[in-house]
Amino acid sequence: MVVGCAVLETAQPMKAAEAPPVDPHPAGTVIFPAGVPASAADRPAGGGGGTWVFAVAVLLAAGGFYFWRKNFAMPSVRRSAGLVVEETRALGNRQFLLVAVCDRRRFLLGV
């Protein structure tokens, strides 16, 4: 890329230095396009209405992304544990049964 830029730079025809353009308007002169009022008193109030539209659009996009990620996106961290407890049932004082799955096999354990 650097070599290409250097080749393009050297391939451009060289010109003699030109004098800077002369400003036709004296310093302090303000130029307005046609149809735009010259003074602030003549301008309509309430300009800049596009700012709140942009803010609402950003908030809607962020809310939509949050909703999509919460409901439809795949979980970013997958559990790759070999042992998973599917269900537990209490039997009494500090005793319970649980169903555990390990390598696609189910086990009933009494604890």
PDB file of N, CA and C in Angstrom:
ATOM      1  N   MET A   1       0.830  -1.175   0.000  1.00  0.00           N
ATOM      2  CA  MET A   1       0.000   0.000   0.000  1.00  0.00           C
ATOM      3  C   MET A   1       0.882   1.249   0.000  1.00  0.00           C
ATOM      4  N   VAL A   2       1.950   1.199   0.788  1.00  0.00           N
ATOM      5  CA  VAL A   2       2.851   2.341   0.857  1.00  0.00           C
ATOM      6  C   VAL A   2       3.524   2.562  -0.494  1.00  0.00           C
ATOM      7  N   VAL A   3       3.932   1.457  -1.146  1.00  0.00           N
ATOM      8  CA  VAL A   3       4.572   1.579  -2.454  1.00  0.00           C
ATOM      9  C   VAL A   3       3.589   2.153  -3.463  1.00  0.00           C
ATOM     10  N   GLY A   4       2.321   1.722  -3.420  1.00  0.00           N
ATOM     11  CA  GLY A   4       1.313   2.250  -4.336  1.00  0.00           C
ATOM     12  C   GLY A   4       1.090   3.742  -4.142  1.00  0.00           C
ATOM     13  N   CYS A   5       1.055   4.176  -2.898  1.00  0.00           N
ATOM     14  CA  CYS A   5       0.898   5.612  -2.635  1.00  0.00           C
ATOM     15  C   CYS A   5       2.100   6.400  -3.143  1.00  0.00           C
ATOM     16  N   ALA A   6       3.285   5.840  -2.964  1.00  0.00           N
ATOM     17  CA  ALA A   6       4.483   6.530  -3.439  1.00  0.00           C
ATOM     18  C   ALA A   6       4.486   6.623  -4.955  1.00  0.00           C
ATOM     19  N   VAL A   7       4.046   5.566  -5.637  1.00  0.00           N
ATOM     20  CA  VAL A   7       3.985   5.587  -7.103  1.00  0.00           C
ATOM     21  C   VAL A   7       2.976   6.618  -7.579  1.00  0.00           C
ATOM     22  N   LEU A   8       1.802   6.654  -6.934  1.00  0.00           N
ATOM     23  CA  LEU A   8       0.793   7.638  -7.336  1.00  0.00           C
ATOM     24  C   LEU A   8       1.275   9.059  -7.079  1.00  0.00           C
ATOM     25  N   GLU A   9       1.985   9.264  -6.004  1.00  0.00           N
ATOM     26  CA  GLU A   9       2.493  10.601  -5.693  1.00  0.00           C
ATOM     27  C   GLU A   9       3.502  11.067  -6.732  1.00  0.00           C
ATOM     28  N   THR A  10       4.367  10.172  -7.162  1.00  0.00           N
ATOM     29  CA  THR A  10       5.373  10.564  -8.149  1.00  0.00           C
ATOM     30  C   THR A  10       4.788  10.652  -9.551  1.00  0.00           C
ATOM     31  N   ALA A  11       3.677   9.991  -9.809  1.00  0.00           N
ATOM     32  CA  ALA A  11       3.084  10.007 -11.142  1.00  0.00           C
ATOM     33  C   ALA A  11       2.280  11.280 -11.395  1.00  0.00           C
ATOM     34  N   GLN A  12       1.930  12.002 -10.365  1.00  0.00           N
ATOM     35  CA  GLN A  12       1.143  13.214 -10.537  1.00  0.00           C
ATOM     36  C   GLN A  12       1.996  14.295 -11.186  1.00  0.00           C
ATOM     37  N   PRO A  13       1.437  15.023 -12.122  1.00  0.00           N
ATOM     38  CA  PRO A  13       2.212  16.104 -12.737  1.00  0.00           C
ATOM     39  C   PRO A  13       2.461  17.221 -11.724  1.00  0.00           C
ATOM     40  N   MET A  14       3.652  17.774 -11.777  1.00  0.00           N
ATOM     41  CA  MET A  14       4.001  18.850 -10.853  1.00  0.00           C
ATOM     42  C   MET A  14       3.636  20.187 -11.469  1.00  0.00           C
ATOM     43  N   LYS A  15       3.153  21.088 -10.626  1.00  0.00           N
ATOM     44  CA  LYS A  15       2.781  22.423 -11.074  1.00  0.00           C
ATOM     45  C   LYS A  15       3.631  23.434 -10.324  1.00  0.00           C
ATOM     46  N   ALA A  16       3.720  24.575 -10.890  1.00  0.00           N
ATOM     47  CA  ALA A  16       4.395  25.664 -10.197  1.00  0.00           C
ATOM     48  C   ALA A  16       3.488  26.143  -9.071  1.00  0.00           C
ATOM     49  N   ALA A  17       4.071  26.662  -8.034  1.00  0.00           N
ATOM     50  CA  ALA A  17       3.289  27.145  -6.907  1.00  0.00           C
ATOM     51  C   ALA A  17       2.424  28.310  -7.353  1.00  0.00           C
ATOM     52  N   GLU A  18       1.160  28.250  -6.962  1.00  0.00           N
ATOM     53  CA  GLU A  18       0.226  29.315  -7.334  1.00  0.00           C
ATOM     54  C   GLU A  18       0.042  30.242  -6.136  1.00  0.00           C
ATOM     55  N   ALA A  19      -0.333  31.454  -6.426  1.00  0.00           N
ATOM     56  CA  ALA A  19      -0.616  32.426  -5.373  1.00  0.00           C
ATOM     57  C   ALA A  19      -1.917  32.027  -4.698  1.00  0.00           C
ATOM     58  N   PRO A  20      -2.035  32.244  -3.393  1.00  0.00           N
ATOM     59  CA  PRO A  20      -3.286  31.894  -2.717  1.00  0.00           C
ATOM     60  C   PRO A  20      -4.426  32.741  -3.262  1.00  0.00           C
ATOM     61  N   PRO A  21      -5.651  32.185  -3.298  1.00  0.00           N
ATOM     62  CA  PRO A  21      -6.794  32.946  -3.826  1.00  0.00           C
ATOM     63  C   PRO A  21      -7.095  34.150  -2.940  1.00  0.00           C
ATOM     64  N   VAL A  22      -7.555  35.189  -3.575  1.00  0.00           N
ATOM     65  CA  VAL A  22      -7.893  36.423  -2.866  1.00  0.00           C
ATOM     66  C   VAL A  22      -9.345  36.329  -2.428  1.00  0.00           C
ATOM     67  N   ASP A  23      -9.595  36.640  -1.147  1.00  0.00           N
ATOM     68  CA  ASP A  23     -10.947  36.598  -0.614  1.00  0.00           C
ATOM     69  C   ASP A  23     -11.700  37.828  -1.112  1.00  0.00           C
ATOM     70  N   PRO A  24     -12.819  37.647  -1.866  1.00  0.00           N
ATOM     71  CA  PRO A  24     -13.546  38.803  -2.399  1.00  0.00           C
ATOM     72  C   PRO A  24     -14.335  39.548  -1.327  1.00  0.00           C
ATOM     73  N   HIS A  25     -14.495  38.932  -0.142  1.00  0.00           N
ATOM     74  CA  HIS A  25     -15.283  39.569   0.916  1.00  0.00           C
ATOM     75  C   HIS A  25     -14.346  40.020   2.027  1.00  0.00           C
ATOM     76  N   PRO A  26     -14.523  41.223   2.528  1.00  0.00           N
ATOM     77  CA  PRO A  26     -13.661  41.692   3.620  1.00  0.00           C
ATOM     78  C   PRO A  26     -13.949  40.915   4.906  1.00  0.00           C
ATOM     79  N   ALA A  27     -13.018  40.981   5.833  1.00  0.00           N
ATOM     80  CA  ALA A  27     -13.168  40.278   7.113  1.00  0.00           C
ATOM     81  C   ALA A  27     -14.392  40.782   7.856  1.00  0.00           C
ATOM     82  N   GLY A  28     -15.099  39.869   8.490  1.00  0.00           N
ATOM     83  CA  GLY A  28     -16.281  40.250   9.260  1.00  0.00           C
ATOM     84  C   GLY A  28     -17.567  40.209   8.446  1.00  0.00           C
ATOM     85  N   THR A  29     -17.517  39.978   7.148  1.00  0.00           N
ATOM     86  CA  THR A  29     -18.722  39.911   6.338  1.00  0.00           C
ATOM     87  C   THR A  29     -19.322  38.518   6.459  1.00  0.00           C
ATOM     88  N   VAL A  30     -20.612  38.440   6.744  1.00  0.00           N
ATOM     89  CA  VAL A  30     -21.305  37.169   6.858  1.00  0.00           C
ATOM     90  C   VAL A  30     -22.192  37.009   5.634  1.00  0.00           C
ATOM     91  N   ILE A  31     -22.052  35.864   4.980  1.00  0.00           N
ATOM     92  CA  ILE A  31     -22.820  35.605   3.763  1.00  0.00           C
ATOM     93  C   ILE A  31     -23.851  34.525   4.074  1.00  0.00           C
ATOM     94  N   PHE A  32     -25.118  34.783   3.740  1.00  0.00           N
ATOM     95  CA  PHE A  32     -26.198  33.824   3.945  1.00  0.00           C
ATOM     96  C   PHE A  32     -26.684  33.325   2.594  1.00  0.00           C
ATOM     97  N   PRO A  33     -27.074  32.041   2.513  1.00  0.00           N
ATOM     98  CA  PRO A  33     -27.648  31.534   1.269  1.00  0.00           C
ATOM     99  C   PRO A  33     -28.986  32.204   0.983  1.00  0.00           C
ATOM    100  N   ALA A  34     -29.410  32.123  -0.260  1.00  0.00           N
ATOM    101  CA  ALA A  34     -30.676  32.733  -0.645  1.00  0.00           C
ATOM    102  C   ALA A  34     -31.823  32.065   0.104  1.00  0.00           C
ATOM    103  N   GLY A  35     -32.752  32.874   0.586  1.00  0.00           N
ATOM    104  CA  GLY A  35     -33.919  32.359   1.278  1.00  0.00           C
ATOM    105  C   GLY A  35     -33.718  32.159   2.771  1.00  0.00           C
ATOM    106  N   VAL A  36     -32.535  32.421   3.308  1.00  0.00           N
ATOM    107  CA  VAL A  36     -32.278  32.260   4.730  1.00  0.00           C
ATOM    108  C   VAL A  36     -32.243  33.651   5.356  1.00  0.00           C
ATOM    109  N   PRO A  37     -32.983  33.884   6.458  1.00  0.00           N
ATOM    110  CA  PRO A  37     -32.981  35.203   7.089  1.00  0.00           C
ATOM    111  C   PRO A  37     -31.591  35.578   7.581  1.00  0.00           C
ATOM    112  N   ALA A  38     -31.257  36.835   7.500  1.00  0.00           N
ATOM    113  CA  ALA A  38     -29.922  37.305   7.851  1.00  0.00           C
ATOM    114  C   ALA A  38     -29.740  37.477   9.346  1.00  0.00           C
ATOM    115  N   SER A  39     -30.784  37.786  10.093  1.00  0.00           N
ATOM    116  CA  SER A  39     -30.615  38.019  11.525  1.00  0.00           C
ATOM    117  C   SER A  39     -31.274  36.905  12.327  1.00  0.00           C
ATOM    118  N   ALA A  40     -30.833  36.743  13.553  1.00  0.00           N
ATOM    119  CA  ALA A  40     -31.381  35.704  14.414  1.00  0.00           C
ATOM    120  C   ALA A  40     -32.830  35.991  14.772  1.00  0.00           C
ATOM    121  N   ALA A  41     -33.224  37.263  14.795  1.00  0.00           N
ATOM    122  CA  ALA A  41     -34.604  37.614  15.123  1.00  0.00           C
ATOM    123  C   ALA A  41     -35.551  37.166  14.019  1.00  0.00           C
ATOM    124  N   ASP A  42     -35.080  37.103  12.790  1.00  0.00           N
ATOM    125  CA  ASP A  42     -35.931  36.711  11.666  1.00  0.00           C
ATOM    126  C   ASP A  42     -36.038  35.188  11.519  1.00  0.00           C
ATOM    127  N   ARG A  43     -35.212  34.435  12.218  1.00  0.00           N
ATOM    128  CA  ARG A  43     -35.207  32.970  12.056  1.00  0.00           C
ATOM    129  C   ARG A  43     -36.350  32.361  12.859  1.00  0.00           C
ATOM    130  N   PRO A  44     -36.942  31.284  12.353  1.00  0.00           N
ATOM    131  CA  PRO A  44     -38.024  30.635  13.101  1.00  0.00           C
ATOM    132  C   PRO A  44     -37.474  29.913  14.327  1.00  0.00           C
ATOM    133  N   ALA A  45     -38.253  29.903  15.418  1.00  0.00           N
ATOM    134  CA  ALA A  45     -37.831  29.232  16.651  1.00  0.00           C
ATOM    135  C   ALA A  45     -38.051  27.734  16.519  1.00  0.00           C
ATOM    136  N   GLY A  46     -37.316  26.978  17.328  1.00  0.00           N
ATOM    137  CA  GLY A  46     -37.523  25.531  17.355  1.00  0.00           C
ATOM    138  C   GLY A  46     -36.683  24.779  16.356  1.00  0.00           C
ATOM    139  N   GLY A  47     -35.622  25.346  15.863  1.00  0.00           N
ATOM    140  CA  GLY A  47     -34.756  24.612  14.953  1.00  0.00           C
ATOM    141  C   GLY A  47     -34.030  23.515  15.700  1.00  0.00           C
ATOM    142  N   GLY A  48     -33.544  22.519  15.015  1.00  0.00           N
ATOM    143  CA  GLY A  48     -32.832  21.420  15.641  1.00  0.00           C
ATOM    144  C   GLY A  48     -33.751  20.345  16.159  1.00  0.00           C
ATOM    145  N   GLY A  49     -34.893  20.149  15.516  1.00  0.00           N
ATOM    146  CA  GLY A  49     -35.836  19.122  15.948  1.00  0.00           C
ATOM    147  C   GLY A  49     -35.363  17.718  15.633  1.00  0.00           C
ATOM    148  N   GLY A  50     -34.356  17.594  14.809  1.00  0.00           N
ATOM    149  CA  GLY A  50     -33.858  16.275  14.456  1.00  0.00           C
ATOM    150  C   GLY A  50     -33.076  15.621  15.576  1.00  0.00           C
ATOM    151  N   THR A  51     -32.674  16.385  16.592  1.00  0.00           N
ATOM    152  CA  THR A  51     -31.884  15.830  17.684  1.00  0.00           C
ATOM    153  C   THR A  51     -32.694  14.838  18.499  1.00  0.00           C
ATOM    154  N   TRP A  52     -33.916  15.180  18.857  1.00  0.00           N
ATOM    155  CA  TRP A  52     -34.719  14.261  19.665  1.00  0.00           C
ATOM    156  C   TRP A  52     -35.147  13.060  18.842  1.00  0.00           C
ATOM    157  N   VAL A  53     -35.331  13.221  17.539  1.00  0.00           N
ATOM    158  CA  VAL A  53     -35.678  12.084  16.680  1.00  0.00           C
ATOM    159  C   VAL A  53     -34.525  11.091  16.672  1.00  0.00           C
ATOM    160  N   PHE A  54     -33.302  11.595  16.588  1.00  0.00           N
ATOM    161  CA  PHE A  54     -32.124  10.729  16.613  1.00  0.00           C
ATOM    162  C   PHE A  54     -32.014  10.013  17.956  1.00  0.00           C
ATOM    163  N   ALA A  55     -32.258  10.736  19.058  1.00  0.00           N
ATOM    164  CA  ALA A  55     -32.167  10.136  20.391  1.00  0.00           C
ATOM    165  C   ALA A  55     -33.206   9.028  20.562  1.00  0.00           C
ATOM    166  N   VAL A  56     -34.421   9.259  20.095  1.00  0.00           N
ATOM    167  CA  VAL A  56     -35.476   8.240  20.181  1.00  0.00           C
ATOM    168  C   VAL A  56     -35.108   7.027  19.328  1.00  0.00           C
ATOM    169  N   ALA A  57     -34.559   7.254  18.143  1.00  0.00           N
ATOM    170  CA  ALA A  57     -34.156   6.147  17.285  1.00  0.00           C
ATOM    171  C   ALA A  57     -33.060   5.307  17.930  1.00  0.00           C
ATOM    172  N   VAL A  58     -32.104   5.965  18.569  1.00  0.00           N
ATOM    173  CA  VAL A  58     -31.026   5.230  19.255  1.00  0.00           C
ATOM    174  C   VAL A  58     -31.591   4.426  20.413  1.00  0.00           C
ATOM    175  N   LEU A  59     -32.497   5.009  21.198  1.00  0.00           N
ATOM    176  CA  LEU A  59     -33.095   4.289  22.317  1.00  0.00           C
ATOM    177  C   LEU A  59     -33.920   3.099  21.838  1.00  0.00           C
ATOM    178  N   LEU A  60     -34.676   3.256  20.757  1.00  0.00           N
ATOM    179  CA  LEU A  60     -35.443   2.136  20.215  1.00  0.00           C
ATOM    180  C   LEU A  60     -34.537   1.030  19.704  1.00  0.00           C
ATOM    181  N   ALA A  61     -33.452   1.399  19.061  1.00  0.00           N
ATOM    182  CA  ALA A  61     -32.509   0.392  18.570  1.00  0.00           C
ATOM    183  C   ALA A  61     -31.870  -0.361  19.733  1.00  0.00           C
ATOM    184  N   ALA A  62     -31.486   0.356  20.789  1.00  0.00           N
ATOM    185  CA  ALA A  62     -30.886  -0.298  21.950  1.00  0.00           C
ATOM    186  C   ALA A  62     -31.892  -1.221  22.639  1.00  0.00           C
ATOM    187  N   GLY A  63     -33.136  -0.775  22.771  1.00  0.00           N
ATOM    188  CA  GLY A  63     -34.170  -1.617  23.380  1.00  0.00           C
ATOM    189  C   GLY A  63     -34.461  -2.848  22.546  1.00  0.00           C
ATOM    190  N   GLY A  64     -34.513  -2.686  21.227  1.00  0.00           N
ATOM    191  CA  GLY A  64     -34.736  -3.834  20.349  1.00  0.00           C
ATOM    192  C   GLY A  64     -33.603  -4.836  20.421  1.00  0.00           C
ATOM    193  N   PHE A  65     -32.370  -4.346  20.491  1.00  0.00           N
ATOM    194  CA  PHE A  65     -31.222  -5.241  20.603  1.00  0.00           C
ATOM    195  C   PHE A  65     -31.265  -6.000  21.917  1.00  0.00           C
ATOM    196  N   TYR A  66     -31.598  -5.300  23.020  1.00  0.00           N
ATOM    197  CA  TYR A  66     -31.680  -5.952  24.322  1.00  0.00           C
ATOM    198  C   TYR A  66     -32.757  -7.034  24.307  1.00  0.00           C
ATOM    199  N   PHE A  67     -33.936  -6.724  23.756  1.00  0.00           N
ATOM    200  CA  PHE A  67     -35.039  -7.687  23.680  1.00  0.00           C
ATOM    201  C   PHE A  67     -34.645  -8.895  22.841  1.00  0.00           C
ATOM    202  N   TRP A  68     -34.022  -8.666  21.698  1.00  0.00           N
ATOM    203  CA  TRP A  68     -33.610  -9.768  20.824  1.00  0.00           C
ATOM    204  C   TRP A  68     -32.582 -10.648  21.517  1.00  0.00           C
ATOM    205  N   ARG A  69     -31.603 -10.014  22.160  1.00  0.00           N
ATOM    206  CA  ARG A  69     -30.549 -10.793  22.801  1.00  0.00           C
ATOM    207  C   ARG A  69     -31.095 -11.591  23.980  1.00  0.00           C
ATOM    208  N   LYS A  70     -32.032 -11.018  24.729  1.00  0.00           N
ATOM    209  CA  LYS A  70     -32.597 -11.691  25.889  1.00  0.00           C
ATOM    210  C   LYS A  70     -33.453 -12.880  25.480  1.00  0.00           C
ATOM    211  N   ASN A  71     -34.171 -12.776  24.347  1.00  0.00           N
ATOM    212  CA  ASN A  71     -35.139 -13.796  23.982  1.00  0.00           C
ATOM    213  C   ASN A  71     -34.701 -14.746  22.863  1.00  0.00           C
ATOM    214  N   PHE A  72     -33.877 -14.294  21.948  1.00  0.00           N
ATOM    215  CA  PHE A  72     -33.615 -15.108  20.769  1.00  0.00           C
ATOM    216  C   PHE A  72     -32.152 -15.493  20.565  1.00  0.00           C
ATOM    217  N   ALA A  73     -31.224 -14.778  21.154  1.00  0.00           N
ATOM    218  CA  ALA A  73     -29.813 -15.054  20.898  1.00  0.00           C
ATOM    219  C   ALA A  73     -29.372 -16.307  21.651  1.00  0.00           C
ATOM    220  N   MET A  74     -28.401 -16.988  21.099  1.00  0.00           N
ATOM    221  CA  MET A  74     -27.842 -18.162  21.752  1.00  0.00           C
ATOM    222  C   MET A  74     -27.023 -17.699  22.959  1.00  0.00           C
ATOM    223  N   PRO A  75     -26.966 -18.510  24.008  1.00  0.00           N
ATOM    224  CA  PRO A  75     -26.143 -18.119  25.146  1.00  0.00           C
ATOM    225  C   PRO A  75     -24.677 -18.069  24.744  1.00  0.00           C
ATOM    226  N   SER A  76     -23.987 -17.071  25.280  1.00  0.00           N
ATOM    227  CA  SER A  76     -22.596 -16.880  24.887  1.00  0.00           C
ATOM    228  C   SER A  76     -21.675 -17.900  25.547  1.00  0.00           C
ATOM    229  N   VAL A  77     -22.051 -18.422  26.714  1.00  0.00           N
ATOM    230  CA  VAL A  77     -21.222 -19.404  27.404  1.00  0.00           C
ATOM    231  C   VAL A  77     -22.029 -20.694  27.512  1.00  0.00           C
ATOM    232  N   ARG A  78     -21.524 -21.741  26.930  1.00  0.00           N
ATOM    233  CA  ARG A  78     -22.210 -23.020  27.000  1.00  0.00           C
ATOM    234  C   ARG A  78     -21.610 -23.856  28.107  1.00  0.00           C
ATOM    235  N   ARG A  79     -22.483 -24.566  28.807  1.00  0.00           N
ATOM    236  CA  ARG A  79     -22.001 -25.455  29.851  1.00  0.00           C
ATOM    237  C   ARG A  79     -21.483 -26.728  29.205  1.00  0.00           C
ATOM    238  N   SER A  80     -20.271 -27.068  29.511  1.00  0.00           N
ATOM    239  CA  SER A  80     -19.709 -28.309  28.995  1.00  0.00           C
ATOM    240  C   SER A  80     -19.404 -29.258  30.148  1.00  0.00           C
ATOM    241  N   ALA A  81     -20.140 -29.109  31.262  1.00  0.00           N
ATOM    242  CA  ALA A  81     -19.918 -29.968  32.419  1.00  0.00           C
ATOM    243  C   ALA A  81     -20.391 -31.379  32.097  1.00  0.00           C
ATOM    244  N   GLY A  82     -19.680 -32.362  32.617  1.00  0.00           N
ATOM    245  CA  GLY A  82     -20.047 -33.750  32.381  1.00  0.00           C
ATOM    246  C   GLY A  82     -21.183 -34.210  33.265  1.00  0.00           C
ATOM    247  N   LEU A  83     -21.391 -33.544  34.407  1.00  0.00           N
ATOM    248  CA  LEU A  83     -22.419 -33.941  35.362  1.00  0.00           C
ATOM    249  C   LEU A  83     -23.428 -32.813  35.517  1.00  0.00           C
ATOM    250  N   VAL A  84     -24.709 -33.153  35.324  1.00  0.00           N
ATOM    251  CA  VAL A  84     -25.773 -32.157  35.434  1.00  0.00           C
ATOM    252  C   VAL A  84     -26.860 -32.724  36.330  1.00  0.00           C
ATOM    253  N   VAL A  85     -27.289 -31.957  37.328  1.00  0.00           N
ATOM    254  CA  VAL A  85     -28.384 -32.356  38.205  1.00  0.00           C
ATOM    255  C   VAL A  85     -29.676 -31.893  37.563  1.00  0.00           C
ATOM    256  N   GLU A  86     -30.541 -32.854  37.217  1.00  0.00           N
ATOM    257  CA  GLU A  86     -31.795 -32.518  36.540  1.00  0.00           C
ATOM    258  C   GLU A  86     -32.902 -32.160  37.515  1.00  0.00           C
ATOM    259  N   GLU A  87     -33.030 -32.954  38.612  1.00  0.00           N
ATOM    260  CA  GLU A  87     -34.155 -32.760  39.508  1.00  0.00           C
ATOM    261  C   GLU A  87     -33.786 -33.235  40.904  1.00  0.00           C
ATOM    262  N   THR A  88     -34.384 -32.603  41.916  1.00  0.00           N
ATOM    263  CA  THR A  88     -34.173 -33.026  43.296  1.00  0.00           C
ATOM    264  C   THR A  88     -35.523 -33.116  44.005  1.00  0.00           C
ATOM    265  N   ARG A  89     -35.616 -34.034  45.001  1.00  0.00           N
ATOM    266  CA  ARG A  89     -36.810 -34.175  45.840  1.00  0.00           C
ATOM    267  C   ARG A  89     -36.377 -34.379  47.287  1.00  0.00           C
ATOM    268  N   ALA A  90     -36.943 -33.603  48.174  1.00  0.00           N
ATOM    269  CA  ALA A  90     -36.625 -33.728  49.593  1.00  0.00           C
ATOM    270  C   ALA A  90     -37.363 -34.928  50.186  1.00  0.00           C
ATOM    271  N   LEU A  91     -36.677 -35.698  51.066  1.00  0.00           N
ATOM    272  CA  LEU A  91     -37.281 -36.854  51.722  1.00  0.00           C
ATOM    273  C   LEU A  91     -37.543 -36.588  53.196  1.00  0.00           C
ATOM    274  N   GLY A  92     -36.868 -35.664  53.772  1.00  0.00           N
ATOM    275  CA  GLY A  92     -37.050 -35.384  55.197  1.00  0.00           C
ATOM    276  C   GLY A  92     -35.892 -34.557  55.712  1.00  0.00           C
ATOM    277  N   ASN A  93     -35.492 -34.887  56.941  1.00  0.00           N
ATOM    278  CA  ASN A  93     -34.448 -34.134  57.626  1.00  0.00           C
ATOM    279  C   ASN A  93     -33.091 -34.372  56.949  1.00  0.00           C
ATOM    280  N   ARG A  94     -32.615 -33.407  56.144  1.00  0.00           N
ATOM    281  CA  ARG A  94     -31.322 -33.439  55.454  1.00  0.00           C
ATOM    282  C   ARG A  94     -31.151 -34.674  54.575  1.00  0.00           C
ATOM    283  N   GLN A  95     -32.225 -35.189  54.019  1.00  0.00           N
ATOM    284  CA  GLN A  95     -32.167 -36.332  53.107  1.00  0.00           C
ATOM    285  C   GLN A  95     -32.955 -35.971  51.849  1.00  0.00           C
ATOM    286  N   PHE A  96     -32.410 -36.329  50.692  1.00  0.00           N
ATOM    287  CA  PHE A  96     -33.123 -36.065  49.440  1.00  0.00           C
ATOM    288  C   PHE A  96     -32.628 -36.982  48.342  1.00  0.00           C
ATOM    289  N   LEU A  97     -33.434 -37.080  47.286  1.00  0.00           N
ATOM    290  CA  LEU A  97     -33.097 -37.829  46.081  1.00  0.00           C
ATOM    291  C   LEU A  97     -32.802 -36.845  44.976  1.00  0.00           C
ATOM    292  N   LEU A  98     -31.902 -37.223  44.083  1.00  0.00           N
ATOM    293  CA  LEU A  98     -31.663 -36.383  42.916  1.00  0.00           C
ATOM    294  C   LEU A  98     -31.415 -37.244  41.696  1.00  0.00           C
ATOM    295  N   VAL A  99     -31.799 -36.711  40.558  1.00  0.00           N
ATOM    296  CA  VAL A  99     -31.550 -37.357  39.275  1.00  0.00           C
ATOM    297  C   VAL A  99     -30.424 -36.577  38.615  1.00  0.00           C
ATOM    298  N   ALA A 100     -29.335 -37.298  38.333  1.00  0.00           N
ATOM    299  CA  ALA A 100     -28.161 -36.673  37.719  1.00  0.00           C
ATOM    300  C   ALA A 100     -27.909 -37.320  36.365  1.00  0.00           C
ATOM    301  N   VAL A 101     -27.413 -36.529  35.418  1.00  0.00           N
ATOM    302  CA  VAL A 101     -27.086 -37.022  34.087  1.00  0.00           C
ATOM    303  C   VAL A 101     -25.589 -36.856  33.875  1.00  0.00           C
ATOM    304  N   CYS A 102     -24.950 -37.966  33.470  1.00  0.00           N
ATOM    305  CA  CYS A 102     -23.525 -37.934  33.182  1.00  0.00           C
ATOM    306  C   CYS A 102     -23.284 -38.746  31.913  1.00  0.00           C
ATOM    307  N   ASP A 103     -22.736 -38.100  30.895  1.00  0.00           N
ATOM    308  CA  ASP A 103     -22.474 -38.743  29.594  1.00  0.00           C
ATOM    309  C   ASP A 103     -23.729 -39.411  29.040  1.00  0.00           C
ATOM    310  N   ARG A 104     -24.846 -38.697  29.070  1.00  0.00           N
ATOM    311  CA  ARG A 104     -26.133 -39.108  28.530  1.00  0.00           C
ATOM    312  C   ARG A 104     -26.749 -40.313  29.257  1.00  0.00           C
ATOM    313  N   ARG A 105     -26.285 -40.596  30.460  1.00  0.00           N
ATOM    314  CA  ARG A 105     -26.856 -41.656  31.270  1.00  0.00           C
ATOM    315  C   ARG A 105     -27.437 -41.020  32.517  1.00  0.00           C
ATOM    316  N   ARG A 106     -28.627 -41.485  32.952  1.00  0.00           N
ATOM    317  CA  ARG A 106     -29.314 -40.943  34.117  1.00  0.00           C
ATOM    318  C   ARG A 106     -29.055 -41.833  35.324  1.00  0.00           C
ATOM    319  N   PHE A 107     -28.840 -41.151  36.469  1.00  0.00           N
ATOM    320  CA  PHE A 107     -28.589 -41.850  37.715  1.00  0.00           C
ATOM    321  C   PHE A 107     -29.507 -41.287  38.797  1.00  0.00           C
ATOM    322  N   LEU A 108     -30.089 -42.201  39.623  1.00  0.00           N
ATOM    323  CA  LEU A 108     -30.889 -41.790  40.772  1.00  0.00           C
ATOM    324  C   LEU A 108     -29.982 -41.939  42.004  1.00  0.00           C
ATOM    325  N   LEU A 109     -29.744 -40.814  42.682  1.00  0.00           N
ATOM    326  CA  LEU A 109     -28.830 -40.804  43.816  1.00  0.00           C
ATOM    327  C   LEU A 109     -29.586 -40.409  45.073  1.00  0.00           C
ATOM    328  N   GLY A 110     -29.317 -41.126  46.175  1.00  0.00           N
ATOM    329  CA  GLY A 110     -29.888 -40.790  47.474  1.00  0.00           C
ATOM    330  C   GLY A 110     -28.817 -40.123  48.310  1.00  0.00           C
ATOM    331  N   VAL A 111     -29.114 -38.954  48.824  1.00  0.00           N
ATOM    332  CA  VAL A 111     -28.131 -38.208  49.610  1.00  0.00           C
ATOM    333  C   VAL A 111     -28.699 -37.947  50.982  1.00  0.00           C
TER     334      VAL A 111
END
